[in-house]
C-alpha atoms as a PDB file:
ATOM      1  CA  MET A   1     138.699  34.611 190.339  1.00  0.00           C
ATOM      2  CA  ARG A   2     136.709  36.381 187.652  1.00  0.00           C
ATOM      3  CA  ASN A   3     137.551  35.559 184.065  1.00  0.00           C
ATOM      4  CA  VAL A   4     139.140  38.494 182.258  1.00  0.00           C
ATOM      5  CA  ARG A   5     137.154  39.382 179.126  1.00  0.00           C
ATOM      6  CA  SER A   6     138.288  41.530 176.210  1.00  0.00           C
ATOM      7  CA  LEU A   7     137.517  45.232 176.084  1.00  0.00           C
ATOM      8  CA  SER A   8     135.439  44.611 172.968  1.00  0.00           C
ATOM      9  CA  ASP A   9     133.090  42.446 175.073  1.00  0.00           C
ATOM     10  CA  ALA A  10     132.761  45.220 177.624  1.00  0.00           C
ATOM     11  CA  VAL A  11     131.827  47.658 174.880  1.00  0.00           C
ATOM     12  CA  GLN A  12     129.332  45.332 173.224  1.00  0.00           C
ATOM     13  CA  GLY A  13     127.788  44.196 176.525  1.00  0.00           C
ATOM     14  CA  ILE A  14     128.413  40.487 175.943  1.00  0.00           C
ATOM     15  CA  ALA A  15     127.400  38.422 178.957  1.00  0.00           C
ATOM     16  CA  PRO A  16     129.864  36.131 180.734  1.00  0.00           C
ATOM     17  CA  GLY A  17     129.901  32.660 179.308  1.00  0.00           C
ATOM     18  CA  VAL A  18     129.153  33.724 175.728  1.00  0.00           C
ATOM     19  CA  PRO A  19     131.951  32.766 173.291  1.00  0.00           C
ATOM     20  CA  GLU A  20     134.248  35.716 172.740  1.00  0.00           C
ATOM     21  CA  PRO A  21     134.375  37.003 169.135  1.00  0.00           C
ATOM     22  CA  ARG A  22     137.779  38.578 169.631  1.00  0.00           C
ATOM     23  CA  GLN A  23     141.009  37.581 171.280  1.00  0.00           C
ATOM     24  CA  VAL A  24     141.377  38.486 174.951  1.00  0.00           C
ATOM     25  CA  LEU A  25     143.970  41.191 175.513  1.00  0.00           C
ATOM     26  CA  ASP A  26     147.356  39.927 176.544  1.00  0.00           C
ATOM     27  CA  PRO A  27     147.835  40.401 180.323  1.00  0.00           C
ATOM     28  CA  LYS A  28     151.019  42.354 179.640  1.00  0.00           C
ATOM     29  CA  ILE A  29     149.043  44.821 177.504  1.00  0.00           C
ATOM     30  CA  GLN A  30     146.377  45.124 180.207  1.00  0.00           C
ATOM     31  CA  GLU A  31     149.144  45.868 182.674  1.00  0.00           C
ATOM     32  CA  SER A  32     150.526  48.499 180.304  1.00  0.00           C
ATOM     33  CA  ILE A  33     147.148  50.271 180.267  1.00  0.00           C
ATOM     34  CA  VAL A  34     146.221  49.947 183.934  1.00  0.00           C
ATOM     35  CA  LEU A  35     149.584  50.459 185.631  1.00  0.00           C
ATOM     36  CA  ARG A  36     151.487  52.683 183.203  1.00  0.00           C
ATOM     37  CA  GLY A  37     148.738  54.243 181.103  1.00  0.00           C
ATOM     38  CA  ASP A  38     150.736  53.416 177.975  1.00  0.00           C
ATOM     39  CA  LEU A  39     148.909  52.421 174.777  1.00  0.00           C
ATOM     40  CA  SER A  40     152.001  51.935 172.639  1.00  0.00           C
ATOM     41  CA  GLY A  41     151.856  48.165 173.190  1.00  0.00           C
ATOM     42  CA  LEU A  42     148.428  47.897 171.556  1.00  0.00           C
ATOM     43  CA  ASN A  43     147.725  47.226 167.904  1.00  0.00           C
ATOM     44  CA  GLU A  44     145.175  49.341 166.006  1.00  0.00           C
ATOM     45  CA  GLY A  45     142.255  47.057 166.769  1.00  0.00           C
ATOM     46  CA  GLN A  46     143.038  46.976 170.481  1.00  0.00           C
ATOM     47  CA  LYS A  47     143.452  50.749 170.592  1.00  0.00           C
ATOM     48  CA  LYS A  48     140.046  51.097 168.993  1.00  0.00           C
ATOM     49  CA  GLU A  49     138.518  48.743 171.577  1.00  0.00           C
ATOM     50  CA  TYR A  50     140.043  50.734 174.406  1.00  0.00           C
ATOM     51  CA  TYR A  51     138.918  54.048 172.875  1.00  0.00           C
ATOM     52  CA  LEU A  52     135.330  52.799 172.553  1.00  0.00           C
ATOM     53  CA  PHE A  53     135.452  51.374 176.057  1.00  0.00           C
ATOM     54  CA  ARG A  54     136.470  54.730 177.536  1.00  0.00           C
ATOM     55  CA  CYS A  55     133.708  56.493 175.586  1.00  0.00           C
ATOM     56  CA  LYS A  56     131.114  53.999 176.792  1.00  0.00           C
ATOM     57  CA  GLN A  57     132.190  54.428 180.408  1.00  0.00           C
ATOM     58  CA  VAL A  58     130.899  58.014 180.504  1.00  0.00           C
ATOM     59  CA  GLY A  59     128.370  57.967 177.663  1.00  0.00           C
ATOM     60  CA  LEU A  60     130.406  59.879 175.066  1.00  0.00           C
ATOM     61  CA  ASP A  61     129.784  59.653 171.327  1.00  0.00           C
ATOM     62  CA  PRO A  62     132.990  58.150 169.852  1.00  0.00           C
ATOM     63  CA  ALA A  63     132.187  59.574 166.401  1.00  0.00           C
ATOM     64  CA  ALA A  64     132.571  63.084 167.840  1.00  0.00           C
ATOM     65  CA  LYS A  65     136.217  62.275 168.690  1.00  0.00           C
ATOM     66  CA  PRO A  66     136.230  63.282 172.376  1.00  0.00           C
ATOM     67  CA  PHE A  67     139.721  61.865 172.971  1.00  0.00           C
ATOM     68  CA  ASP A  68     143.014  62.468 171.208  1.00  0.00           C
ATOM     69  CA  LEU A  69     146.371  60.722 171.440  1.00  0.00           C
ATOM     70  CA  LEU A  70     149.471  62.096 173.147  1.00  0.00           C
ATOM     71  CA  LYS A  71     152.869  60.672 172.227  1.00  0.00           C
ATOM     72  CA  LEU A  72     155.824  61.438 174.484  1.00  0.00           C
ATOM     73  CA  ASN A  73     159.053  59.597 175.287  1.00  0.00           C
ATOM     74  CA  GLY A  74     157.883  56.453 173.520  1.00  0.00           C
ATOM     75  CA  LYS A  75     154.583  56.305 175.408  1.00  0.00           C
ATOM     76  CA  GLU A  76     151.047  56.911 174.176  1.00  0.00           C
ATOM     77  CA  ILE A  77     148.061  57.985 176.274  1.00  0.00           C
ATOM     78  CA  LEU A  78     144.545  59.238 175.617  1.00  0.00           C
ATOM     79  CA  TYR A  79     143.622  62.736 176.728  1.00  0.00           C
ATOM     80  CA  ALA A  80     140.308  64.591 176.712  1.00  0.00           C
ATOM     81  CA  ASN A  81     139.835  67.396 174.207  1.00  0.00           C
ATOM     82  CA  ALA A  82     137.357  70.296 174.293  1.00  0.00           C
ATOM     83  CA  GLY A  83     134.675  68.137 172.654  1.00  0.00           C
ATOM     84  CA  ALA A  84     134.757  65.698 175.566  1.00  0.00           C
ATOM     85  CA  THR A  85     133.985  68.451 178.072  1.00  0.00           C
ATOM     86  CA  GLN A  86     131.156  69.837 175.959  1.00  0.00           C
ATOM     87  CA  GLN A  87     129.600  66.388 175.527  1.00  0.00           C
ATOM     88  CA  LEU A  88     129.851  65.576 179.231  1.00  0.00           C
ATOM     89  CA  CYS A  89     128.144  68.834 180.234  1.00  0.00           C
ATOM     90  CA  ALA A  90     125.308  68.247 177.768  1.00  0.00           C
ATOM     91  CA  ILE A  91     124.795  64.530 178.398  1.00  0.00           C
ATOM     92  CA  HIS A  92     124.977  64.626 182.178  1.00  0.00           C
ATOM     93  CA  LYS A  93     123.413  68.104 182.563  1.00  0.00           C
ATOM     94  CA  LEU A  94     126.431  69.476 184.392  1.00  0.00           C
ATOM     95  CA  SER A  95     126.705  73.108 185.405  1.00  0.00           C
ATOM     96  CA  THR A  96     129.878  74.927 186.430  1.00  0.00           C
ATOM     97  CA  GLN A  97     130.468  77.911 188.672  1.00  0.00           C
ATOM     98  CA  ILE A  98     133.652  79.854 189.342  1.00  0.00           C
ATOM     99  CA  THR A  99     134.043  80.001 193.113  1.00  0.00           C
ATOM    100  CA  HIS A 100     137.364  81.771 193.549  1.00  0.00           C
ATOM    101  CA  ARG A 101     140.157  83.571 191.698  1.00  0.00           C
ATOM    102  CA  GLU A 102     143.505  84.557 193.116  1.00  0.00           C
ATOM    103  CA  ARG A 103     147.039  85.434 192.121  1.00  0.00           C
ATOM    104  CA  ILE A 104     149.821  83.794 194.110  1.00  0.00           C
ATOM    105  CA  ASP A 105     153.430  84.778 193.353  1.00  0.00           C
ATOM    106  CA  GLY A 106     152.773  85.270 189.662  1.00  0.00           C
ATOM    107  CA  ILE A 107     150.474  82.237 189.362  1.00  0.00           C
ATOM    108  CA  TYR A 108     146.833  82.909 188.493  1.00  0.00           C
ATOM    109  CA  VAL A 109     144.547  80.300 190.045  1.00  0.00           C
ATOM    110  CA  VAL A 110     140.867  79.732 189.264  1.00  0.00           C
ATOM    111  CA  SER A 111     138.646  77.430 191.338  1.00  0.00           C
ATOM    112  CA  VAL A 112     135.522  75.887 189.794  1.00  0.00           C
ATOM    113  CA  ARG A 113     132.613  73.904 191.201  1.00  0.00           C
ATOM    114  CA  CYS A 114     130.838  71.398 188.951  1.00  0.00           C
ATOM    115  CA  THR A 115     127.306  70.350 189.902  1.00  0.00           C
ATOM    116  CA  GLY A 116     125.334  67.450 188.434  1.00  0.00           C
ATOM    117  CA  ALA A 117     121.595  67.091 187.989  1.00  0.00           C
ATOM    118  CA  ASP A 118     121.553  64.857 191.082  1.00  0.00           C
ATOM    119  CA  GLY A 119     123.109  67.592 193.217  1.00  0.00           C
ATOM    120  CA  ARG A 120     126.503  65.908 193.484  1.00  0.00           C
ATOM    121  CA  VAL A 121     129.354  68.444 193.513  1.00  0.00           C
ATOM    122  CA  SER A 122     133.003  68.266 192.423  1.00  0.00           C
ATOM    123  CA  GLU A 123     135.627  70.988 192.607  1.00  0.00           C
ATOM    124  CA  ASN A 124     138.940  71.562 190.853  1.00  0.00           C
ATOM    125  CA  GLN A 125     141.421  74.266 189.923  1.00  0.00           C
ATOM    126  CA  GLY A 126     143.276  75.608 186.930  1.00  0.00           C
ATOM    127  CA  ALA A 127     146.510  77.593 187.167  1.00  0.00           C
ATOM    128  CA  VAL A 128     148.786  79.437 184.727  1.00  0.00           C
ATOM    129  CA  ASP A 129     152.006  81.399 185.086  1.00  0.00           C
ATOM    130  CA  VAL A 130     151.302  85.091 184.396  1.00  0.00           C
ATOM    131  CA  SER A 131     154.379  86.566 186.071  1.00  0.00           C
ATOM    132  CA  SER A 132     155.884  87.926 182.832  1.00  0.00           C
ATOM    133  CA  LEU A 133     152.709  88.588 180.839  1.00  0.00           C
ATOM    134  CA  THR A 134     150.966  91.836 179.965  1.00  0.00           C
ATOM    135  CA  GLY A 135     148.216  93.052 177.660  1.00  0.00           C
ATOM    136  CA  GLU A 136     146.669  90.544 175.264  1.00  0.00           C
ATOM    137  CA  ARG A 137     148.950  87.694 176.331  1.00  0.00           C
ATOM    138  CA  LEU A 138     147.891  88.205 179.939  1.00  0.00           C
ATOM    139  CA  ALA A 139     144.210  88.284 178.952  1.00  0.00           C
ATOM    140  CA  ASN A 140     144.589  85.020 177.015  1.00  0.00           C
ATOM    141  CA  ALA A 141     146.373  83.393 179.942  1.00  0.00           C
ATOM    142  CA  LEU A 142     143.569  84.375 182.340  1.00  0.00           C
ATOM    143  CA  LEU A 143     141.034  82.882 179.943  1.00  0.00           C
ATOM    144  CA  LYS A 144     143.083  79.678 179.704  1.00  0.00           C
ATOM    145  CA  ALA A 145     143.190  79.328 183.491  1.00  0.00           C
ATOM    146  CA  THR A 146     139.409  79.507 183.620  1.00  0.00           C
ATOM    147  CA  THR A 147     139.054  77.027 180.766  1.00  0.00           C
ATOM    148  CA  LYS A 148     141.500  74.640 182.438  1.00  0.00           C
ATOM    149  CA  ALA A 149     139.675  74.827 185.762  1.00  0.00           C
ATOM    150  CA  ILE A 150     136.269  74.161 184.201  1.00  0.00           C
ATOM    151  CA  ARG A 151     137.487  71.227 182.145  1.00  0.00           C
ATOM    152  CA  ARG A 152     139.368  69.677 185.052  1.00  0.00           C
ATOM    153  CA  ALA A 153     136.276  69.975 187.250  1.00  0.00           C
ATOM    154  CA  VAL A 154     134.034  68.400 184.602  1.00  0.00           C
ATOM    155  CA  LEU A 155     136.434  65.516 183.924  1.00  0.00           C
ATOM    156  CA  SER A 156     136.861  64.901 187.628  1.00  0.00           C
ATOM    157  CA  HIS A 157     133.095  64.897 188.164  1.00  0.00           C
ATOM    158  CA  ALA A 158     132.642  62.366 185.357  1.00  0.00           C
ATOM    159  CA  GLY A 159     135.330  60.092 186.788  1.00  0.00           C
ATOM    160  CA  LEU A 160     137.732  60.511 183.874  1.00  0.00           C
ATOM    161  CA  GLY A 161     141.190  60.433 185.370  1.00  0.00           C
ATOM    162  CA  MET A 162     143.077  61.758 182.362  1.00  0.00           C
ATOM    163  CA  LEU A 163     144.809  64.874 181.101  1.00  0.00           C
ATOM    164  CA  ASP A 164     142.824  67.690 179.541  1.00  0.00           C
ATOM    165  CA  GLU A 165     143.766  69.412 176.288  1.00  0.00           C
ATOM    166  CA  THR A 166     144.825  72.595 178.093  1.00  0.00           C
ATOM    167  CA  GLU A 167     147.264  70.583 180.224  1.00  0.00           C
ATOM    168  CA  VAL A 168     148.696  68.712 177.248  1.00  0.00           C
ATOM    169  CA  GLU A 169     149.531  72.015 175.542  1.00  0.00           C
ATOM    170  CA  THR A 170     152.062  72.781 178.289  1.00  0.00           C
ATOM    171  CA  ILE A 171     154.031  69.538 177.874  1.00  0.00           C
ATOM    172  CA  PRO A 172     157.192  70.250 175.846  1.00  0.00           C
ATOM    173  CA  GLU A 173     158.126  67.954 172.936  1.00  0.00           C
ATOM    174  CA  ALA A 174     154.754  66.213 173.078  1.00  0.00           C
ATOM    175  CA  ARG A 175     153.123  65.177 169.807  1.00  0.00           C
ATOM    176  CA  ARG A 176     149.332  65.319 169.650  1.00  0.00           C
ATOM    177  CA  ASP A 177     147.322  63.260 167.169  1.00  0.00           C
ATOM    178  CA  ALA A 178     143.577  63.009 166.582  1.00  0.00           C
ATOM    179  CA  ILE A 179     141.957  59.568 166.705  1.00  0.00           C
ATOM    180  CA  VAL A 180     139.354  58.830 164.035  1.00  0.00           C
ATOM    181  CA  VAL A 181     137.222  55.698 164.447  1.00  0.00           C
ATOM    182  CA  THR A 182     136.805  53.930 161.091  1.00  0.00           C
ATOM    183  CA  GLU A 183     134.206  51.435 159.905  1.00  0.00           C
ATOM    184  CA  ASP A 184     136.871  48.759 159.957  1.00  0.00           C
ATOM    185  CA  PRO A 185     136.447  46.966 163.332  1.00  0.00           C
ATOM    186  CA  LYS A 186     140.180  46.347 163.460  1.00  0.00           C
ATOM    187  CA  ALA A 187     141.445  49.815 162.612  1.00  0.00           C
ATOM    188  CA  ILE A 188     141.561  53.456 163.579  1.00  0.00           C
ATOM    189  CA  GLU A 189     143.106  56.425 161.828  1.00  0.00           C
ATOM    190  CA  VAL A 190     145.504  58.826 163.488  1.00  0.00           C
ATOM    191  CA  GLU A 191     145.737  62.368 162.151  1.00  0.00           C
ATOM    192  CA  PRO A 192     147.990  65.247 163.276  1.00  0.00           C
ATOM    193  CA  ILE A 193     146.192  67.839 165.397  1.00  0.00           C
ATOM    194  CA  PRO A 194     145.656  71.015 163.332  1.00  0.00           C
ATOM    195  CA  ASP A 195     146.971  74.416 164.394  1.00  0.00           C
ATOM    196  CA  GLU A 196     145.696  75.782 167.675  1.00  0.00           C
ATOM    197  CA  GLY A 197     142.661  77.990 167.634  1.00  0.00           C
ATOM    198  CA  ILE A 198     139.347  78.712 169.308  1.00  0.00           C
ATOM    199  CA  VAL A 199     136.742  76.337 167.908  1.00  0.00           C
ATOM    200  CA  PHE A 200     133.620  77.739 166.241  1.00  0.00           C
ATOM    201  CA  MET A 201     130.684  75.336 165.999  1.00  0.00           C
ATOM    202  CA  VAL A 202     127.512  75.379 163.933  1.00  0.00           C
ATOM    203  CA  PRO A 203     124.313  73.626 165.091  1.00  0.00           C
ATOM    204  CA  GLY A 204     124.187  69.889 164.393  1.00  0.00           C
ATOM    205  CA  ALA A 205     127.872  69.566 163.446  1.00  0.00           C
ATOM    206  CA  LYS A 206     130.161  67.207 165.349  1.00  0.00           C
ATOM    207  CA  GLU A 207     133.344  68.868 164.135  1.00  0.00           C
ATOM    208  CA  ALA A 208     134.467  72.483 164.152  1.00  0.00           C
ATOM    209  CA  TYR A 209     133.133  74.710 161.385  1.00  0.00           C
ATOM    210  CA  ASP A 210     136.131  77.008 161.808  1.00  0.00           C
ATOM    211  CA  LYS A 211     138.876  78.039 164.221  1.00  0.00           C
ATOM    212  CA  PHE A 212     140.062  81.511 165.185  1.00  0.00           C
ATOM    213  CA  PRO A 213     143.420  82.534 166.713  1.00  0.00           C
ATOM    214  CA  ASN A 214     141.941  84.778 169.416  1.00  0.00           C
ATOM    215  CA  GLU A 215     138.676  85.790 171.084  1.00  0.00           C
ATOM    216  CA  GLU A 216     138.305  89.025 169.111  1.00  0.00           C
ATOM    217  CA  GLU A 217     138.416  87.247 165.758  1.00  0.00           C
ATOM    218  CA  TRP A 218     136.143  84.518 167.122  1.00  0.00           C
ATOM    219  CA  VAL A 219     133.488  87.074 168.091  1.00  0.00           C
ATOM    220  CA  ASP A 220     133.852  88.758 164.695  1.00  0.00           C
ATOM    221  CA  GLY A 221     133.304  85.394 162.971  1.00  0.00           C
ATOM    222  CA  PHE A 222     130.337  84.628 165.225  1.00  0.00           C
ATOM    223  CA  LEU A 223     128.654  87.958 164.425  1.00  0.00           C
ATOM    224  CA  GLN A 224     129.292  87.476 160.705  1.00  0.00           C
ATOM    225  CA  MET A 225     127.367  84.197 160.941  1.00  0.00           C
ATOM    226  CA  VAL A 226     124.618  85.980 162.898  1.00  0.00           C
ATOM    227  CA  ASP A 227     124.292  88.602 160.135  1.00  0.00           C
ATOM    228  CA  LYS A 228     124.303  85.889 157.486  1.00  0.00           C
ATOM    229  CA  ILE A 229     121.384  84.142 159.173  1.00  0.00           C
ATOM    230  CA  GLY A 230     119.520  87.410 159.691  1.00  0.00           C
ATOM    231  CA  ASP A 231     119.897  88.447 156.030  1.00  0.00           C
ATOM    232  CA  SER A 232     119.096  85.031 154.565  1.00  0.00           C
ATOM    233  CA  GLN A 233     116.183  84.815 152.135  1.00  0.00           C
ATOM    234  CA  LYS A 234     115.902  81.038 152.512  1.00  0.00           C
ATOM    235  CA  PHE A 235     114.400  80.984 156.001  1.00  0.00           C
ATOM    236  CA  SER A 236     111.269  82.362 157.604  1.00  0.00           C
ATOM    237  CA  ILE A 237     111.611  84.822 160.477  1.00  0.00           C
ATOM    238  CA  VAL A 238     110.714  82.082 162.966  1.00  0.00           C
ATOM    239  CA  ASP A 239     113.364  79.797 161.479  1.00  0.00           C
ATOM    240  CA  LYS A 240     115.957  82.584 161.682  1.00  0.00           C
ATOM    241  CA  LEU A 241     115.242  83.153 165.362  1.00  0.00           C
ATOM    242  CA  ASP A 242     115.473  79.415 166.033  1.00  0.00           C
ATOM    243  CA  LYS A 243     118.783  79.188 164.152  1.00  0.00           C
ATOM    244  CA  LEU A 244     120.230  82.108 166.097  1.00  0.00           C
ATOM    245  CA  ASP A 245     119.298  80.427 169.378  1.00  0.00           C
ATOM    246  CA  ALA A 246     120.812  77.142 168.145  1.00  0.00           C
ATOM    247  CA  LEU A 247     124.020  78.923 167.067  1.00  0.00           C
ATOM    248  CA  TYR A 248     124.373  80.502 170.495  1.00  0.00           C
ATOM    249  CA  LYS A 249     123.739  77.172 172.236  1.00  0.00           C
ATOM    250  CA  ALA A 250     126.259  75.345 170.037  1.00  0.00           C
ATOM    251  CA  ASN A 251     128.941  77.793 171.212  1.00  0.00           C
ATOM    252  CA  ASP A 252     127.749  78.447 174.768  1.00  0.00           C
ATOM    253  CA  PHE A 253     130.901  76.981 176.307  1.00  0.00           C
ATOM    254  CA  ILE A 254     133.192  79.468 174.503  1.00  0.00           C
ATOM    255  CA  ILE A 255     130.731  82.309 174.992  1.00  0.00           C
ATOM    256  CA  GLY A 256     130.703  81.562 178.726  1.00  0.00           C
ATOM    257  CA  MET A 257     134.493  81.812 178.817  1.00  0.00           C
ATOM    258  CA  ILE A 258     134.429  85.152 177.010  1.00  0.00           C
ATOM    259  CA  LYS A 259     131.742  86.429 179.366  1.00  0.00           C
ATOM    260  CA  GLU A 260     133.856  85.544 182.397  1.00  0.00           C
ATOM    261  CA  GLU A 261     137.221  86.826 181.183  1.00  0.00           C
ATOM    262  CA  LYS A 262     136.389  89.535 178.628  1.00  0.00           C
ATOM    263  CA  PRO A 263     133.096  91.150 179.618  1.00  0.00           C
ATOM    264  CA  THR A 264     133.555  94.081 177.220  1.00  0.00           C
ATOM    265  CA  LEU A 265     133.993  91.709 174.286  1.00  0.00           C
ATOM    266  CA  TYR A 266     131.029  89.676 175.485  1.00  0.00           C
ATOM    267  CA  GLU A 267     128.955  92.862 175.486  1.00  0.00           C
ATOM    268  CA  VAL A 268     129.872  93.381 171.820  1.00  0.00           C
ATOM    269  CA  LEU A 269     128.755  89.828 171.043  1.00  0.00           C
ATOM    270  CA  SER A 270     125.571  90.119 173.089  1.00  0.00           C
ATOM    271  CA  ASN A 271     124.618  93.464 171.546  1.00  0.00           C
ATOM    272  CA  GLY A 272     125.323  92.167 168.043  1.00  0.00           C
ATOM    273  CA  ILE A 273     123.066  89.145 168.259  1.00  0.00           C
ATOM    274  CA  GLY A 274     120.527  91.106 170.312  1.00  0.00           C
ATOM    275  CA  LYS A 275     120.074  93.762 167.619  1.00  0.00           C
ATOM    276  CA  VAL A 276     119.518  91.171 164.894  1.00  0.00           C
ATOM    277  CA  LYS A 277     116.966  89.312 167.038  1.00  0.00           C
ATOM    278  CA  GLN A 278     115.224  92.579 167.879  1.00  0.00           C
ATOM    279  CA  VAL A 279     114.818  93.451 164.188  1.00  0.00           C
ATOM    280  CA  LEU A 280     113.497  89.966 163.428  1.00  0.00           C
ATOM    281  CA  THR A 281     111.071  90.111 166.363  1.00  0.00           C
ATOM    282  CA  LEU A 282     109.677  93.439 165.142  1.00  0.00           C
ATOM    283  CA  GLN A 283     109.254  91.983 161.654  1.00  0.00           C
ATOM    284  CA  LEU A 284     107.462  88.998 163.155  1.00  0.00           C
ATOM    285  CA  ARG A 285     104.925  91.287 164.799  1.00  0.00           C
ATOM    286  CA  GLU A 286     104.011  92.888 161.482  1.00  0.00           C
ATOM    287  CA  PRO A 287     100.906  91.597 159.638  1.00  0.00           C
ATOM    288  CA  GLY A 288     101.832  88.323 157.973  1.00  0.00           C
ATOM    289  CA  GLY A 289     105.264  88.402 159.619  1.00  0.00           C
ATOM    290  CA  GLY A 290     105.151  84.725 160.519  1.00  0.00           C
ATOM    291  CA  ASN A 291     105.075  83.795 156.824  1.00  0.00           C
ATOM    292  CA  LYS A 292     108.093  85.885 155.832  1.00  0.00           C
END
């Protein structure tokens, strides 16, 4: 029978036979994780080991906090947040495609296909109850169904059998906490999840620059940042164009959702950034424009 090594060894890549620097997890705790998916029996150091282990399994950056903690009925489990999906798509070069939409007895169902760089394909669905919704609430629910389907497909493709953030939101009486990995090898920090909102990212940042309560305000905030870059006196025209492209890429996941579910709003966004880039391109073509 194979010797059971600690999760810290798995993370650090220690070969069998090398003395273990940390205590092997108690078999009862291993059983709690594997059979019941419950982390409540772990101390802080063991939770950190398990968190790092799960990140390493699929190549995620633990500092970007791809997993959060769900507490319900005395149990604790990890679930994947929006950052996990974004990282997985970027790292593994995954692309997603909506293959079908339908409404069945008041339930809106979206089917998504996820394709990897190697051609391997996974499919999954997202569903929301829209039977009593109208107007803006209906539009938001349709967007959430698409988001749920995409994230479920990506997580399934990556082999992460865990809940997604959009699924956790529907669990009543559940408490959600963010996990922060500290420099202390034996500790993690747990912080309450802030108010819900649509995340707005800036290039190079691992955490959200801002959050907006709805898509309209998100697009308004995005275009304000676009104008700020376009009007800046600190950057050359070439730098401004590069920063606009980087800003778009940093938020391409949200922009893709808006494009699918709110094409009119996407047109506003696209026209806004397009006009600024057009002005900058014309300036670039002027004599000495590359030095401005």
